[in-house]
């Protein structure tokens, strides 16, 4: 494969001026598939370094029995499914809201407690988009987290306040999705 870029153009920074961070805040957002999947891949990296890891899922309930939950639990990841499913399936949005608020309060304590080197807040963006939890408060908790605690936040339409304090923000862009062709999610690939 040929490229017209010179090595300097590929790396427009001076490595001698780079520093190591004790932790990072990562955001996976956008309309494309792969936000949670990317977070779960990072969990594997963290576990391989013997990091204690916790996941809080804001939408999925404990009834989902996903493959990633099964494997992560086997690897020692603490897993908390705090939601009650997708809001369009909810019989009681007040209960869904209350669960999201409780999940955030629990997550803030997990982060502040410093026991976990990595905390994944899966699909948290929706709770902020729907004004169930305050994005400014989430950003403040991220900024004041213990030095060794990294956090990954996933979900579409991530709040600007969170993007502003994040170290890395990746936007997944949908080019094509099987669901658009009326193909249901596939166990083993999608969950």
C-alpha atoms as a PDB file:
ATOM      1  CA  UNK A   1       0.000   0.000   0.000  1.00  0.00           C
ATOM      2  CA  UNK A   2       1.399   3.357  -1.025  1.00  0.00           C
ATOM      3  CA  UNK A   3       1.020   6.584   0.900  1.00  0.00           C
ATOM      4  CA  UNK A   4       1.990  10.124   0.089  1.00  0.00           C
ATOM      5  CA  UNK A   5       2.367  11.098   3.752  1.00  0.00           C
ATOM      6  CA  UNK A   6       5.838  11.529   5.158  1.00  0.00           C
ATOM      7  CA  UNK A   7       6.673  10.087   8.604  1.00  0.00           C
ATOM      8  CA  UNK A   8       6.540  13.623  10.053  1.00  0.00           C
ATOM      9  CA  UNK A   9       3.048  14.181   8.608  1.00  0.00           C
ATOM     10  CA  UNK A  10       1.855  10.881  10.058  1.00  0.00           C
ATOM     11  CA  UNK A  11       3.074  11.902  13.505  1.00  0.00           C
ATOM     12  CA  UNK A  12       2.812  15.687  13.870  1.00  0.00           C
ATOM     13  CA  UNK A  13       3.923  15.623  17.513  1.00  0.00           C
ATOM     14  CA  UNK A  14       7.212  15.287  19.290  1.00  0.00           C
ATOM     15  CA  UNK A  15       7.353  12.012  21.238  1.00  0.00           C
ATOM     16  CA  UNK A  16       9.903  13.491  23.634  1.00  0.00           C
ATOM     17  CA  UNK A  17       7.213  15.908  24.820  1.00  0.00           C
ATOM     18  CA  UNK A  18       4.629  13.175  25.467  1.00  0.00           C
ATOM     19  CA  UNK A  19       3.689  12.155  29.023  1.00  0.00           C
ATOM     20  CA  UNK A  20       1.971   9.166  30.594  1.00  0.00           C
ATOM     21  CA  UNK A  21      -1.439   9.629  32.186  1.00  0.00           C
ATOM     22  CA  UNK A  22      -2.375   7.675  35.289  1.00  0.00           C
ATOM     23  CA  UNK A  23      -5.914   7.233  33.908  1.00  0.00           C
ATOM     24  CA  UNK A  24      -8.113   8.263  31.003  1.00  0.00           C
ATOM     25  CA  UNK A  25     -11.735   9.016  30.209  1.00  0.00           C
ATOM     26  CA  UNK A  26     -12.850   7.412  26.937  1.00  0.00           C
ATOM     27  CA  UNK A  27     -16.126   8.073  25.126  1.00  0.00           C
ATOM     28  CA  UNK A  28     -17.609   5.823  22.429  1.00  0.00           C
ATOM     29  CA  UNK A  29     -20.520   7.611  20.789  1.00  0.00           C
ATOM     30  CA  UNK A  30     -22.264   8.013  17.436  1.00  0.00           C
ATOM     31  CA  UNK A  31     -24.981   6.279  15.438  1.00  0.00           C
ATOM     32  CA  UNK A  32     -22.804   3.368  14.327  1.00  0.00           C
ATOM     33  CA  UNK A  33     -22.591  -0.087  15.862  1.00  0.00           C
ATOM     34  CA  UNK A  34     -19.693  -0.955  18.117  1.00  0.00           C
ATOM     35  CA  UNK A  35     -19.745   1.502  21.027  1.00  0.00           C
ATOM     36  CA  UNK A  36     -20.251  -1.100  23.738  1.00  0.00           C
ATOM     37  CA  UNK A  37     -18.297  -3.713  21.795  1.00  0.00           C
ATOM     38  CA  UNK A  38     -15.238  -1.439  21.776  1.00  0.00           C
ATOM     39  CA  UNK A  39     -15.610  -0.880  25.521  1.00  0.00           C
ATOM     40  CA  UNK A  40     -15.788  -4.636  26.128  1.00  0.00           C
ATOM     41  CA  UNK A  41     -12.628  -5.107  24.072  1.00  0.00           C
ATOM     42  CA  UNK A  42     -10.875  -2.595  26.312  1.00  0.00           C
ATOM     43  CA  UNK A  43     -12.098  -4.570  29.318  1.00  0.00           C
ATOM     44  CA  UNK A  44     -10.100  -7.538  27.998  1.00  0.00           C
ATOM     45  CA  UNK A  45      -6.985  -5.378  27.900  1.00  0.00           C
ATOM     46  CA  UNK A  46      -7.581  -4.167  31.451  1.00  0.00           C
ATOM     47  CA  UNK A  47      -8.216  -7.683  32.777  1.00  0.00           C
ATOM     48  CA  UNK A  48      -5.023  -8.889  31.066  1.00  0.00           C
ATOM     49  CA  UNK A  49      -3.180  -6.334  33.235  1.00  0.00           C
ATOM     50  CA  UNK A  50      -4.932  -7.668  36.370  1.00  0.00           C
ATOM     51  CA  UNK A  51      -6.953  -4.483  36.769  1.00  0.00           C
ATOM     52  CA  UNK A  52     -10.147  -4.674  38.801  1.00  0.00           C
ATOM     53  CA  UNK A  53     -12.981  -3.761  36.416  1.00  0.00           C
ATOM     54  CA  UNK A  54     -16.654  -2.873  36.892  1.00  0.00           C
ATOM     55  CA  UNK A  55     -19.423  -2.437  34.318  1.00  0.00           C
ATOM     56  CA  UNK A  56     -22.688  -0.609  34.924  1.00  0.00           C
ATOM     57  CA  UNK A  57     -25.272  -1.038  32.179  1.00  0.00           C
ATOM     58  CA  UNK A  58     -27.821   1.749  32.138  1.00  0.00           C
ATOM     59  CA  UNK A  59     -30.372   0.169  29.789  1.00  0.00           C
ATOM     60  CA  UNK A  60     -29.989  -3.577  29.883  1.00  0.00           C
ATOM     61  CA  UNK A  61     -31.596  -5.494  32.707  1.00  0.00           C
ATOM     62  CA  UNK A  62     -30.260  -8.598  34.405  1.00  0.00           C
ATOM     63  CA  UNK A  63     -32.643 -10.680  32.268  1.00  0.00           C
ATOM     64  CA  UNK A  64     -30.688 -10.204  29.026  1.00  0.00           C
ATOM     65  CA  UNK A  65     -28.037 -12.933  29.578  1.00  0.00           C
ATOM     66  CA  UNK A  66     -25.575 -11.498  27.073  1.00  0.00           C
ATOM     67  CA  UNK A  67     -22.392 -13.238  25.996  1.00  0.00           C
ATOM     68  CA  UNK A  68     -20.203 -10.334  27.055  1.00  0.00           C
ATOM     69  CA  UNK A  69     -21.649 -10.394  30.564  1.00  0.00           C
ATOM     70  CA  UNK A  70     -21.120 -14.160  30.852  1.00  0.00           C
ATOM     71  CA  UNK A  71     -17.479 -14.019  29.775  1.00  0.00           C
ATOM     72  CA  UNK A  72     -16.646 -10.869  31.737  1.00  0.00           C
ATOM     73  CA  UNK A  73     -18.065 -12.362  34.923  1.00  0.00           C
ATOM     74  CA  UNK A  74     -15.944 -15.475  34.342  1.00  0.00           C
ATOM     75  CA  UNK A  75     -12.923 -13.164  34.059  1.00  0.00           C
ATOM     76  CA  UNK A  76     -13.737 -11.521  37.401  1.00  0.00           C
ATOM     77  CA  UNK A  77     -15.353  -8.334  36.091  1.00  0.00           C
ATOM     78  CA  UNK A  78     -17.997  -6.944  38.433  1.00  0.00           C
ATOM     79  CA  UNK A  79     -21.151  -6.531  36.342  1.00  0.00           C
ATOM     80  CA  UNK A  80     -24.203  -4.487  37.277  1.00  0.00           C
ATOM     81  CA  UNK A  81     -27.233  -4.429  34.978  1.00  0.00           C
ATOM     82  CA  UNK A  82     -29.166  -1.477  36.315  1.00  0.00           C
ATOM     83  CA  UNK A  83     -31.748  -0.775  33.626  1.00  0.00           C
ATOM     84  CA  UNK A  84     -35.065  -2.303  32.708  1.00  0.00           C
ATOM     85  CA  UNK A  85     -34.631  -2.536  28.955  1.00  0.00           C
ATOM     86  CA  UNK A  86     -35.174  -0.108  26.115  1.00  0.00           C
ATOM     87  CA  UNK A  87     -37.461   2.805  26.901  1.00  0.00           C
ATOM     88  CA  UNK A  88     -39.711   2.082  23.931  1.00  0.00           C
ATOM     89  CA  UNK A  89     -40.533  -1.234  25.652  1.00  0.00           C
ATOM     90  CA  UNK A  90     -41.059   0.327  29.088  1.00  0.00           C
ATOM     91  CA  UNK A  91     -44.418   0.054  30.798  1.00  0.00           C
ATOM     92  CA  UNK A  92     -43.407   2.694  33.343  1.00  0.00           C
ATOM     93  CA  UNK A  93     -41.019   5.481  32.314  1.00  0.00           C
ATOM     94  CA  UNK A  94     -40.997   6.849  35.866  1.00  0.00           C
ATOM     95  CA  UNK A  95     -39.564   3.528  37.025  1.00  0.00           C
ATOM     96  CA  UNK A  96     -37.050   3.545  34.143  1.00  0.00           C
ATOM     97  CA  UNK A  97     -35.991   7.063  35.185  1.00  0.00           C
ATOM     98  CA  UNK A  98     -35.652   6.045  38.836  1.00  0.00           C
ATOM     99  CA  UNK A  99     -33.465   3.089  37.835  1.00  0.00           C
ATOM    100  CA  UNK A 100     -31.238   5.357  35.748  1.00  0.00           C
ATOM    101  CA  UNK A 101     -30.843   7.790  38.645  1.00  0.00           C
ATOM    102  CA  UNK A 102     -29.995   4.944  41.019  1.00  0.00           C
ATOM    103  CA  UNK A 103     -27.530   3.530  38.467  1.00  0.00           C
ATOM    104  CA  UNK A 104     -25.812   6.914  38.235  1.00  0.00           C
ATOM    105  CA  UNK A 105     -25.603   7.318  42.020  1.00  0.00           C
ATOM    106  CA  UNK A 106     -24.123   3.814  42.257  1.00  0.00           C
ATOM    107  CA  UNK A 107     -21.691   4.556  39.397  1.00  0.00           C
ATOM    108  CA  UNK A 108     -20.534   7.810  40.978  1.00  0.00           C
ATOM    109  CA  UNK A 109     -19.746   5.882  44.178  1.00  0.00           C
ATOM    110  CA  UNK A 110     -17.892   3.168  42.214  1.00  0.00           C
ATOM    111  CA  UNK A 111     -15.752   5.790  40.511  1.00  0.00           C
ATOM    112  CA  UNK A 112     -15.077   7.831  43.654  1.00  0.00           C
ATOM    113  CA  UNK A 113     -14.317   4.711  45.685  1.00  0.00           C
ATOM    114  CA  UNK A 114     -11.209   4.019  43.608  1.00  0.00           C
ATOM    115  CA  UNK A 115     -11.435   0.222  43.958  1.00  0.00           C
ATOM    116  CA  UNK A 116     -11.692  -0.329  40.202  1.00  0.00           C
ATOM    117  CA  UNK A 117      -9.001   0.727  37.734  1.00  0.00           C
ATOM    118  CA  UNK A 118     -11.614   0.698  34.949  1.00  0.00           C
ATOM    119  CA  UNK A 119     -15.311   1.526  35.202  1.00  0.00           C
ATOM    120  CA  UNK A 120     -17.492   1.155  32.108  1.00  0.00           C
ATOM    121  CA  UNK A 121     -20.738   3.144  32.042  1.00  0.00           C
ATOM    122  CA  UNK A 122     -22.529   1.386  29.210  1.00  0.00           C
ATOM    123  CA  UNK A 123     -25.271   3.340  27.448  1.00  0.00           C
ATOM    124  CA  UNK A 124     -25.168   6.165  30.006  1.00  0.00           C
ATOM    125  CA  UNK A 125     -25.666   8.831  27.331  1.00  0.00           C
ATOM    126  CA  UNK A 126     -29.374   8.086  27.063  1.00  0.00           C
ATOM    127  CA  UNK A 127     -29.993   8.927  30.709  1.00  0.00           C
ATOM    128  CA  UNK A 128     -28.341  12.315  30.115  1.00  0.00           C
ATOM    129  CA  UNK A 129     -30.137  12.920  26.799  1.00  0.00           C
ATOM    130  CA  UNK A 130     -33.499  12.315  28.480  1.00  0.00           C
ATOM    131  CA  UNK A 131     -32.516  14.631  31.393  1.00  0.00           C
ATOM    132  CA  UNK A 132     -32.754  11.802  33.900  1.00  0.00           C
ATOM    133  CA  UNK A 133     -29.245  12.519  35.159  1.00  0.00           C
ATOM    134  CA  UNK A 134     -27.315  15.780  34.996  1.00  0.00           C
ATOM    135  CA  UNK A 135     -24.502  15.791  32.430  1.00  0.00           C
ATOM    136  CA  UNK A 136     -22.619  18.492  34.337  1.00  0.00           C
ATOM    137  CA  UNK A 137     -22.641  16.274  37.427  1.00  0.00           C
ATOM    138  CA  UNK A 138     -21.336  13.328  35.405  1.00  0.00           C
ATOM    139  CA  UNK A 139     -18.540  15.534  34.043  1.00  0.00           C
ATOM    140  CA  UNK A 140     -17.676  16.741  37.552  1.00  0.00           C
ATOM    141  CA  UNK A 141     -17.410  13.163  38.853  1.00  0.00           C
ATOM    142  CA  UNK A 142     -15.154  12.267  35.926  1.00  0.00           C
ATOM    143  CA  UNK A 143     -12.915  15.251  36.600  1.00  0.00           C
ATOM    144  CA  UNK A 144     -12.634  14.518  40.323  1.00  0.00           C
ATOM    145  CA  UNK A 145     -12.146  10.742  39.996  1.00  0.00           C
ATOM    146  CA  UNK A 146      -9.248   9.095  41.818  1.00  0.00           C
ATOM    147  CA  UNK A 147      -5.986   9.306  39.910  1.00  0.00           C
ATOM    148  CA  UNK A 148      -5.871   5.605  38.922  1.00  0.00           C
ATOM    149  CA  UNK A 149      -9.498   5.212  37.766  1.00  0.00           C
ATOM    150  CA  UNK A 150     -10.163   5.164  34.038  1.00  0.00           C
ATOM    151  CA  UNK A 151     -13.752   5.422  32.790  1.00  0.00           C
ATOM    152  CA  UNK A 152     -15.385   4.469  29.497  1.00  0.00           C
ATOM    153  CA  UNK A 153     -18.791   5.956  28.672  1.00  0.00           C
ATOM    154  CA  UNK A 154     -20.886   4.686  25.772  1.00  0.00           C
ATOM    155  CA  UNK A 155     -24.056   5.673  23.937  1.00  0.00           C
ATOM    156  CA  UNK A 156     -25.375   7.837  21.143  1.00  0.00           C
ATOM    157  CA  UNK A 157     -25.480  11.615  21.438  1.00  0.00           C
ATOM    158  CA  UNK A 158     -23.023  11.865  24.324  1.00  0.00           C
ATOM    159  CA  UNK A 159     -23.449  15.073  26.308  1.00  0.00           C
ATOM    160  CA  UNK A 160     -21.097  17.910  25.399  1.00  0.00           C
ATOM    161  CA  UNK A 161     -20.081  18.290  29.057  1.00  0.00           C
ATOM    162  CA  UNK A 162     -18.765  14.717  29.051  1.00  0.00           C
ATOM    163  CA  UNK A 163     -17.055  15.103  25.678  1.00  0.00           C
ATOM    164  CA  UNK A 164     -15.312  18.221  26.990  1.00  0.00           C
ATOM    165  CA  UNK A 165     -13.687  16.370  29.919  1.00  0.00           C
ATOM    166  CA  UNK A 166     -12.903  13.162  28.001  1.00  0.00           C
ATOM    167  CA  UNK A 167      -9.370  12.366  26.876  1.00  0.00           C
ATOM    168  CA  UNK A 168     -10.436  10.303  23.859  1.00  0.00           C
ATOM    169  CA  UNK A 169     -13.746  10.525  22.010  1.00  0.00           C
ATOM    170  CA  UNK A 170     -14.567   8.127  19.196  1.00  0.00           C
ATOM    171  CA  UNK A 171     -17.640   8.574  17.066  1.00  0.00           C
ATOM    172  CA  UNK A 172     -18.930   5.385  15.450  1.00  0.00           C
ATOM    173  CA  UNK A 173     -20.485   6.227  12.087  1.00  0.00           C
ATOM    174  CA  UNK A 174     -23.118   3.967  10.592  1.00  0.00           C
ATOM    175  CA  UNK A 175     -22.447   3.237   6.950  1.00  0.00           C
ATOM    176  CA  UNK A 176     -24.849   0.287   6.814  1.00  0.00           C
ATOM    177  CA  UNK A 177     -26.590  -1.825   9.469  1.00  0.00           C
ATOM    178  CA  UNK A 178     -28.331  -5.186   9.164  1.00  0.00           C
ATOM    179  CA  UNK A 179     -31.256  -3.930  11.254  1.00  0.00           C
ATOM    180  CA  UNK A 180     -32.076  -1.459   8.465  1.00  0.00           C
ATOM    181  CA  UNK A 181     -32.680  -4.512   6.253  1.00  0.00           C
ATOM    182  CA  UNK A 182     -35.016  -5.946   8.909  1.00  0.00           C
ATOM    183  CA  UNK A 183     -32.419  -8.400  10.207  1.00  0.00           C
ATOM    184  CA  UNK A 184     -32.635  -8.954  13.965  1.00  0.00           C
ATOM    185  CA  UNK A 185     -29.614  -8.794  16.276  1.00  0.00           C
ATOM    186  CA  UNK A 186     -27.559 -12.010  16.128  1.00  0.00           C
ATOM    187  CA  UNK A 187     -26.459 -13.801  19.265  1.00  0.00           C
ATOM    188  CA  UNK A 188     -22.696 -14.158  19.217  1.00  0.00           C
ATOM    189  CA  UNK A 189     -22.211 -11.056  17.060  1.00  0.00           C
ATOM    190  CA  UNK A 190     -24.516  -8.427  18.531  1.00  0.00           C
ATOM    191  CA  UNK A 191     -24.924  -9.712  22.098  1.00  0.00           C
END
